[in-house]
Amino acid sequence: MWTRQHKKRKSGALIVPAIAAAFLSYFGYHAFQGEFGIYASYAFDERIEVLEAELEAVRQRRRDLEHRVALLRDGTLEKDMLDEHARRALNLAHENEIVIYRTRRN
């Protein structure tokens, strides 16, 4: 019968801690730098602020347009709005009026 005798290696005791350290460092890195990590959440918050400001501007523009449309509805038709709308559509002005051209905002 053969017997083998060998020394115990000290490196065997380091394998499990090395694997655990690699595992923790991988997930730790992605917790900070990953697509949904801590630093990405700061970028998401900044993007949310920009988009909310843009949304509020669009909502204000819509309220303005709804107000202008309400002034053109039947029953509440204002002469000034009708006059302004007709002049713009027909591209007309009176002889004694000064016309100031502006660029249209979308």
Protein backbone atom coordinates (compact mmCIF):
# COMPACT_ATOMS: atom_id res chain seq x y z
CA MET A 1 0.00 0.00 0.00
CA TRP A 2 1.27 3.32 -0.99
CA THR A 3 1.13 6.25 1.32
CA ARG A 4 1.68 9.79 0.38
CA GLN A 5 2.83 12.31 2.77
CA HIS A 6 2.81 15.93 1.89
CA LYS A 7 3.04 19.17 3.68
CA LYS A 8 0.01 21.26 4.30
CA ARG A 9 0.01 24.33 2.14
CA LYS A 10 -0.68 27.68 3.63
CA SER A 11 -2.13 28.95 0.34
CA GLY A 12 -5.24 26.79 0.79
CA ALA A 13 -6.37 28.97 3.66
CA LEU A 14 -6.29 32.05 1.39
CA ILE A 15 -8.46 30.71 -1.43
CA VAL A 16 -11.86 31.35 0.20
CA PRO A 17 -11.01 34.89 1.40
CA ALA A 18 -9.57 35.73 -2.04
CA ILE A 19 -12.73 34.56 -3.79
CA ALA A 20 -14.88 36.47 -1.28
CA ALA A 21 -12.81 39.64 -1.78
CA ALA A 22 -13.11 39.35 -5.56
CA PHE A 23 -16.86 38.77 -5.26
CA LEU A 24 -17.38 41.73 -2.95
CA SER A 25 -15.18 44.07 -4.97
CA TYR A 26 -17.09 43.17 -8.18
CA PHE A 27 -20.48 43.94 -6.67
CA GLY A 28 -19.12 46.95 -4.76
CA TYR A 29 -17.80 48.47 -7.97
CA HIS A 30 -21.12 47.99 -9.74
CA ALA A 31 -23.03 49.40 -6.76
CA PHE A 32 -21.22 52.71 -7.31
CA GLN A 33 -20.33 52.78 -11.00
CA GLY A 34 -22.96 50.51 -12.55
CA GLU A 35 -25.87 51.44 -14.78
CA PHE A 36 -28.19 51.78 -11.78
CA GLY A 37 -25.53 52.57 -9.19
CA ILE A 38 -25.19 55.48 -6.80
CA TYR A 39 -23.50 57.81 -9.31
CA ALA A 40 -26.09 56.95 -11.95
CA SER A 41 -28.85 57.93 -9.53
CA TYR A 42 -27.35 61.43 -9.32
CA ALA A 43 -27.47 61.66 -13.12
CA PHE A 44 -31.08 60.42 -13.06
CA ASP A 45 -32.01 63.12 -10.54
CA GLU A 46 -30.46 65.85 -12.71
CA ARG A 47 -32.26 64.51 -15.77
CA ILE A 48 -35.55 64.47 -13.84
CA GLU A 49 -35.11 68.15 -12.90
CA VAL A 50 -34.41 69.12 -16.52
CA LEU A 51 -37.38 67.16 -17.85
CA GLU A 52 -39.73 68.51 -15.17
CA ALA A 53 -38.74 72.07 -16.10
CA GLU A 54 -39.35 71.27 -19.76
CA LEU A 55 -42.70 69.68 -18.89
CA GLU A 56 -43.76 72.77 -16.97
CA ALA A 57 -42.86 74.98 -19.95
CA VAL A 58 -44.92 72.75 -22.25
CA ARG A 59 -47.84 72.80 -19.82
CA GLN A 60 -47.71 76.61 -19.66
CA ARG A 61 -47.64 76.81 -23.46
CA ARG A 62 -50.65 74.48 -23.60
CA ARG A 63 -52.56 76.61 -21.06
CA ASP A 64 -51.83 79.69 -23.17
CA LEU A 65 -53.04 77.97 -26.32
CA GLU A 66 -56.17 76.66 -24.59
CA HIS A 67 -56.92 80.17 -23.39
CA ARG A 68 -56.55 81.56 -26.90
CA VAL A 69 -58.79 78.83 -28.31
CA ALA A 70 -61.38 79.52 -25.61
CA LEU A 71 -61.48 83.14 -26.75
CA LEU A 72 -62.32 82.01 -30.30
CA ARG A 73 -65.20 79.68 -29.35
CA ASP A 74 -68.78 80.50 -30.28
CA GLY A 75 -70.65 82.52 -27.68
CA THR A 76 -67.48 84.02 -26.21
CA LEU A 77 -65.97 85.35 -29.41
CA GLU A 78 -63.98 88.51 -28.76
CA LYS A 79 -63.69 91.04 -31.54
CA ASP A 80 -60.00 91.68 -30.92
CA MET A 81 -59.15 87.99 -31.17
CA LEU A 82 -61.23 87.60 -34.31
CA ASP A 83 -59.62 90.68 -35.84
CA GLU A 84 -56.10 89.48 -34.96
CA HIS A 85 -56.77 85.99 -36.30
CA ALA A 86 -58.31 87.25 -39.54
CA ARG A 87 -55.47 89.72 -40.19
CA ARG A 88 -52.88 87.05 -39.62
CA ALA A 89 -54.67 84.53 -41.84
CA LEU A 90 -55.28 87.03 -44.66
CA ASN A 91 -52.00 88.92 -44.18
CA LEU A 92 -53.77 92.28 -44.17
CA ALA A 93 -53.38 95.58 -42.31
CA HIS A 94 -54.98 99.01 -42.41
CA GLU A 95 -53.17 101.86 -44.16
CA ASN A 96 -52.42 103.78 -40.97
CA GLU A 97 -51.10 100.77 -38.99
CA ILE A 98 -47.49 99.87 -38.33
CA VAL A 99 -46.75 96.18 -38.80
CA ILE A 100 -44.02 94.48 -36.78
CA TYR A 101 -43.01 91.05 -38.04
CA ARG A 102 -41.99 88.46 -35.48
CA THR A 103 -40.75 84.95 -35.90
CA ARG A 104 -43.26 82.29 -35.00
CA ARG A 105 -42.66 80.16 -31.94
CA ASN A 106 -43.70 76.52 -32.19
